[in-house]
């Protein structure tokens, strides 16, 4: 997959282990936020969805590839408790993805299947003439269902039935969850664990401040209202 010049520039920057963890956790937080919004409102920012989903098709990916101002803002709001009633739900999805990624790391055969199938999907998506055709999203969702969904404990998504039962939304939810698994891998790769998530909140907020000026601006934004 071709990588844009902006992403190549980000790869040349150096990040400390803590900064790398925070970048990955910020992406994970925004993925959880988007899952919650999609399940409760039936919509999400398509530009941000495409940006995140593109991370599935990179053969190698560094922490810098996940750096985005929107993601940093989401994590800051989550750490400060600014999501009100939805903070627990978002954290529940984040913790669930971290747990599933750790389980996945102990399943070499499943990891191989994921790598091979994602490469096939990447090869096929060029046929449709756009970055993320609905058929590509459906293929990613199917792969998630055949692999990650078989691991325990499964992530239960809470939302409105009319959105959860819509196939297009379901495919996007599963795609986001698979992207979240990869972000969780980057978090763990740089020393992230449940203990750090609990005790390093102040240090993570400080790292967010140091990263803000290096983030890619634009590419998506929050709805001014929390999902209801």
Protein backbone atom coordinates (compact mmCIF):
# COMPACT_ATOMS: atom_id res chain seq x y z
CA UNK A 1 0.00 0.00 0.00
CA UNK A 2 1.30 3.44 -0.94
CA UNK A 3 2.07 5.65 2.06
CA UNK A 4 1.53 9.37 1.70
CA UNK A 5 4.40 11.82 2.06
CA UNK A 6 2.86 13.12 5.28
CA UNK A 7 2.95 9.66 6.86
CA UNK A 8 6.53 9.11 5.64
CA UNK A 9 7.54 12.36 7.32
CA UNK A 10 5.94 11.22 10.56
CA UNK A 11 7.94 7.98 10.43
CA UNK A 12 11.20 9.95 10.51
CA UNK A 13 10.32 11.51 13.88
CA UNK A 14 11.45 9.88 17.08
CA UNK A 15 9.14 9.25 19.99
CA UNK A 16 9.88 8.13 23.51
CA UNK A 17 8.33 4.84 24.68
CA UNK A 18 5.76 6.81 26.69
CA UNK A 19 4.91 9.04 23.73
CA UNK A 20 4.55 5.96 21.53
CA UNK A 21 2.20 4.37 24.05
CA UNK A 22 0.12 7.53 24.28
CA UNK A 23 -0.15 7.84 20.49
CA UNK A 24 -1.42 4.26 20.23
CA UNK A 25 -3.76 4.67 23.20
CA UNK A 26 -5.15 7.88 21.70
CA UNK A 27 -6.01 6.02 18.50
CA UNK A 28 -7.61 3.28 20.57
CA UNK A 29 -9.64 5.84 22.53
CA UNK A 30 -10.95 7.45 19.36
CA UNK A 31 -11.82 4.07 17.88
CA UNK A 32 -13.82 3.30 21.02
CA UNK A 33 -15.47 6.72 20.76
CA UNK A 34 -16.43 6.06 17.14
CA UNK A 35 -17.80 2.61 18.00
CA UNK A 36 -19.98 4.18 20.67
CA UNK A 37 -21.17 6.94 18.32
CA UNK A 38 -21.92 4.53 15.49
CA UNK A 39 -23.85 2.18 17.77
CA UNK A 40 -25.89 4.97 19.37
CA UNK A 41 -26.27 7.46 16.51
CA UNK A 42 -25.85 5.30 13.43
CA UNK A 43 -23.10 7.48 11.98
CA UNK A 44 -19.44 8.33 12.28
CA UNK A 45 -16.94 10.60 10.58
CA UNK A 46 -16.23 8.79 7.29
CA UNK A 47 -12.95 10.61 6.66
CA UNK A 48 -11.65 9.59 10.07
CA UNK A 49 -12.98 6.07 9.56
CA UNK A 50 -11.01 5.79 6.31
CA UNK A 51 -7.86 7.18 7.95
CA UNK A 52 -8.01 4.65 10.76
CA UNK A 53 -8.95 1.68 8.55
CA UNK A 54 -5.98 2.37 6.27
CA UNK A 55 -3.73 1.29 9.14
CA UNK A 56 -4.87 -2.29 8.60
CA UNK A 57 -3.10 -2.46 5.24
CA UNK A 58 0.40 -1.33 6.22
CA UNK A 59 2.80 -4.26 6.42
CA UNK A 60 4.84 -2.40 9.04
CA UNK A 61 3.52 0.43 11.13
CA UNK A 62 5.15 2.67 13.69
CA UNK A 63 3.62 4.66 16.50
CA UNK A 64 3.96 7.82 14.41
CA UNK A 65 1.55 6.41 11.84
CA UNK A 66 -1.24 6.65 14.44
CA UNK A 67 -0.57 10.25 15.42
CA UNK A 68 -3.61 12.45 14.83
CA UNK A 69 -4.84 15.58 16.59
CA UNK A 70 -8.39 14.24 16.81
CA UNK A 71 -7.21 11.06 18.54
CA UNK A 72 -5.09 13.02 21.01
CA UNK A 73 -8.07 15.21 21.85
CA UNK A 74 -10.27 12.16 22.43
CA UNK A 75 -7.80 10.59 24.84
CA UNK A 76 -7.39 13.87 26.71
CA UNK A 77 -11.16 14.14 27.12
CA UNK A 78 -11.36 10.52 28.24
CA UNK A 79 -8.59 10.88 30.81
CA UNK A 80 -10.17 14.06 32.17
CA UNK A 81 -13.61 12.45 32.41
CA UNK A 82 -15.24 14.83 29.95
CA UNK A 83 -17.43 12.23 28.25
CA UNK A 84 -19.83 12.10 31.20
CA UNK A 85 -22.17 9.10 30.98
CA UNK A 86 -20.26 7.59 28.05
CA UNK A 87 -16.81 7.54 29.68
CA UNK A 88 -17.36 4.10 31.21
CA UNK A 89 -18.62 2.66 27.92
CA UNK A 90 -15.65 4.02 26.00
CA UNK A 91 -13.21 2.71 28.61
CA UNK A 92 -15.01 -0.65 28.53
CA UNK A 93 -14.39 -0.92 24.78
CA UNK A 94 -10.77 0.15 25.20
CA UNK A 95 -10.10 -2.42 27.90
CA UNK A 96 -11.90 -5.09 25.89
CA UNK A 97 -9.70 -4.44 22.86
CA UNK A 98 -6.54 -4.49 24.97
CA UNK A 99 -7.59 -7.82 26.46
CA UNK A 100 -8.46 -9.34 23.07
CA UNK A 101 -5.17 -8.22 21.54
CA UNK A 102 -3.26 -9.94 24.33
CA UNK A 103 -5.27 -13.12 23.73
CA UNK A 104 -4.63 -12.83 20.00
CA UNK A 105 -0.88 -12.56 20.60
CA UNK A 106 -1.03 -16.12 21.97
CA UNK A 107 -2.71 -17.44 18.79
CA UNK A 108 0.00 -17.67 16.09
CA UNK A 109 -2.24 -19.51 13.63
CA UNK A 110 -4.94 -16.85 13.87
CA UNK A 111 -2.33 -14.12 13.46
CA UNK A 112 -1.16 -15.81 10.27
CA UNK A 113 -4.71 -16.02 8.95
CA UNK A 114 -5.27 -12.34 9.69
CA UNK A 115 -2.05 -11.34 7.91
CA UNK A 116 -2.81 -13.43 4.83
CA UNK A 117 -6.45 -12.39 4.54
CA UNK A 118 -5.69 -8.70 5.07
CA UNK A 119 -3.14 -8.91 2.27
CA UNK A 120 -5.77 -10.48 0.01
CA UNK A 121 -8.24 -7.74 0.90
CA UNK A 122 -5.58 -5.10 0.23
CA UNK A 123 -4.88 -6.64 -3.18
CA UNK A 124 -8.57 -6.81 -4.05
CA UNK A 125 -9.55 -3.34 -2.87
CA UNK A 126 -7.68 -1.69 -5.74
CA UNK A 127 -10.14 -3.35 -8.12
CA UNK A 128 -12.97 -1.15 -6.84
CA UNK A 129 -11.15 2.07 -7.66
CA UNK A 130 -11.48 3.71 -4.27
CA UNK A 131 -9.77 3.38 -0.91
CA UNK A 132 -12.58 1.74 1.06
CA UNK A 133 -15.40 0.38 -1.05
CA UNK A 134 -18.34 -1.15 0.82
CA UNK A 135 -17.18 -4.58 -0.38
CA UNK A 136 -13.78 -3.98 1.22
CA UNK A 137 -15.37 -2.98 4.52
CA UNK A 138 -17.61 -6.07 4.36
CA UNK A 139 -14.57 -8.29 3.76
CA UNK A 140 -12.77 -6.81 6.79
CA UNK A 141 -15.89 -7.31 8.91
CA UNK A 142 -16.17 -10.91 7.77
CA UNK A 143 -12.54 -11.54 8.69
CA UNK A 144 -13.15 -10.10 12.15
CA UNK A 145 -16.17 -12.36 12.58
CA UNK A 146 -14.20 -15.45 11.59
CA UNK A 147 -11.22 -14.69 13.82
CA UNK A 148 -11.40 -12.14 16.65
CA UNK A 149 -15.06 -12.87 17.38
CA UNK A 150 -14.12 -16.42 18.34
CA UNK A 151 -11.89 -15.19 21.19
CA UNK A 152 -13.19 -14.70 24.72
CA UNK A 153 -14.32 -12.49 26.25
CA UNK A 154 -16.18 -11.03 23.27
CA UNK A 155 -16.83 -7.30 23.14
CA UNK A 156 -20.53 -6.57 23.49
CA UNK A 157 -21.55 -3.34 21.74
CA UNK A 158 -24.35 -1.36 23.34
CA UNK A 159 -26.52 0.85 21.17
CA UNK A 160 -29.83 1.24 19.39
CA UNK A 161 -31.15 -1.92 17.65
CA UNK A 162 -31.99 -0.04 14.45
CA UNK A 163 -28.30 0.82 14.07
CA UNK A 164 -26.81 -2.39 15.38
CA UNK A 165 -28.96 -4.46 13.00
CA UNK A 166 -27.99 -2.45 9.92
CA UNK A 167 -25.42 -4.42 7.92
CA UNK A 168 -23.45 -1.35 6.84
CA UNK A 169 -23.10 -0.21 10.45
CA UNK A 170 -22.24 -3.71 11.64
CA UNK A 171 -19.47 -3.93 9.05
CA UNK A 172 -18.06 -0.59 10.14
CA UNK A 173 -18.22 -1.56 13.80
CA UNK A 174 -16.27 -4.76 13.16
CA UNK A 175 -13.77 -2.90 11.00
CA UNK A 176 -13.19 -0.37 13.77
CA UNK A 177 -12.73 -3.14 16.30
CA UNK A 178 -10.11 -4.82 14.12
CA UNK A 179 -8.28 -1.51 13.75
CA UNK A 180 -8.50 -1.19 17.52
CA UNK A 181 -6.79 -4.56 17.91
CA UNK A 182 -3.87 -3.27 15.87
CA UNK A 183 -3.66 -0.05 17.88
CA UNK A 184 -3.68 -2.16 21.05
CA UNK A 185 -0.75 -4.14 19.64
CA UNK A 186 1.26 -0.93 19.15
CA UNK A 187 0.41 0.09 22.74
CA UNK A 188 1.66 -3.24 24.10
CA UNK A 189 4.69 -3.24 21.78
CA UNK A 190 5.92 -0.07 23.49
CA UNK A 191 5.44 -1.34 27.02
CA UNK A 192 1.76 -0.63 27.55
CA UNK A 193 -0.20 -2.71 30.05
CA UNK A 194 -3.26 -2.41 32.29
CA UNK A 195 -1.16 -1.21 35.23
CA UNK A 196 0.25 1.74 33.27
CA UNK A 197 -3.24 2.64 32.12
CA UNK A 198 -4.35 2.96 35.73
CA UNK A 199 -1.38 4.68 37.39
CA UNK A 200 0.11 6.88 34.65
CA UNK A 201 -2.81 9.20 33.91
CA UNK A 202 -0.91 12.40 34.82
CA UNK A 203 2.15 11.33 32.85
CA UNK A 204 -0.04 10.48 29.85
CA UNK A 205 -1.68 13.92 29.98
CA UNK A 206 1.77 15.52 30.01
CA UNK A 207 2.78 13.40 27.00
CA UNK A 208 -0.39 14.46 25.18
CA UNK A 209 0.63 18.10 25.58
CA UNK A 210 4.09 17.41 24.14
CA UNK A 211 2.61 15.55 21.16
CA UNK A 212 -0.14 17.98 20.22
CA UNK A 213 2.03 20.22 18.02
CA UNK A 214 3.39 17.21 16.13
CA UNK A 215 0.01 15.75 15.26
CA UNK A 216 -1.64 15.76 11.88
CA UNK A 217 -4.35 18.39 12.02
CA UNK A 218 -7.79 17.91 10.49
CA UNK A 219 -9.10 14.68 9.02
CA UNK A 220 -12.10 14.46 11.30
CA UNK A 221 -13.71 15.99 14.32
CA UNK A 222 -16.04 15.15 17.14
CA UNK A 223 -19.70 15.86 17.04
CA UNK A 224 -20.19 18.69 19.52
CA UNK A 225 -22.61 16.50 21.43
CA UNK A 226 -21.78 13.20 23.04
CA UNK A 227 -23.54 10.15 21.56
CA UNK A 228 -26.91 9.79 23.19
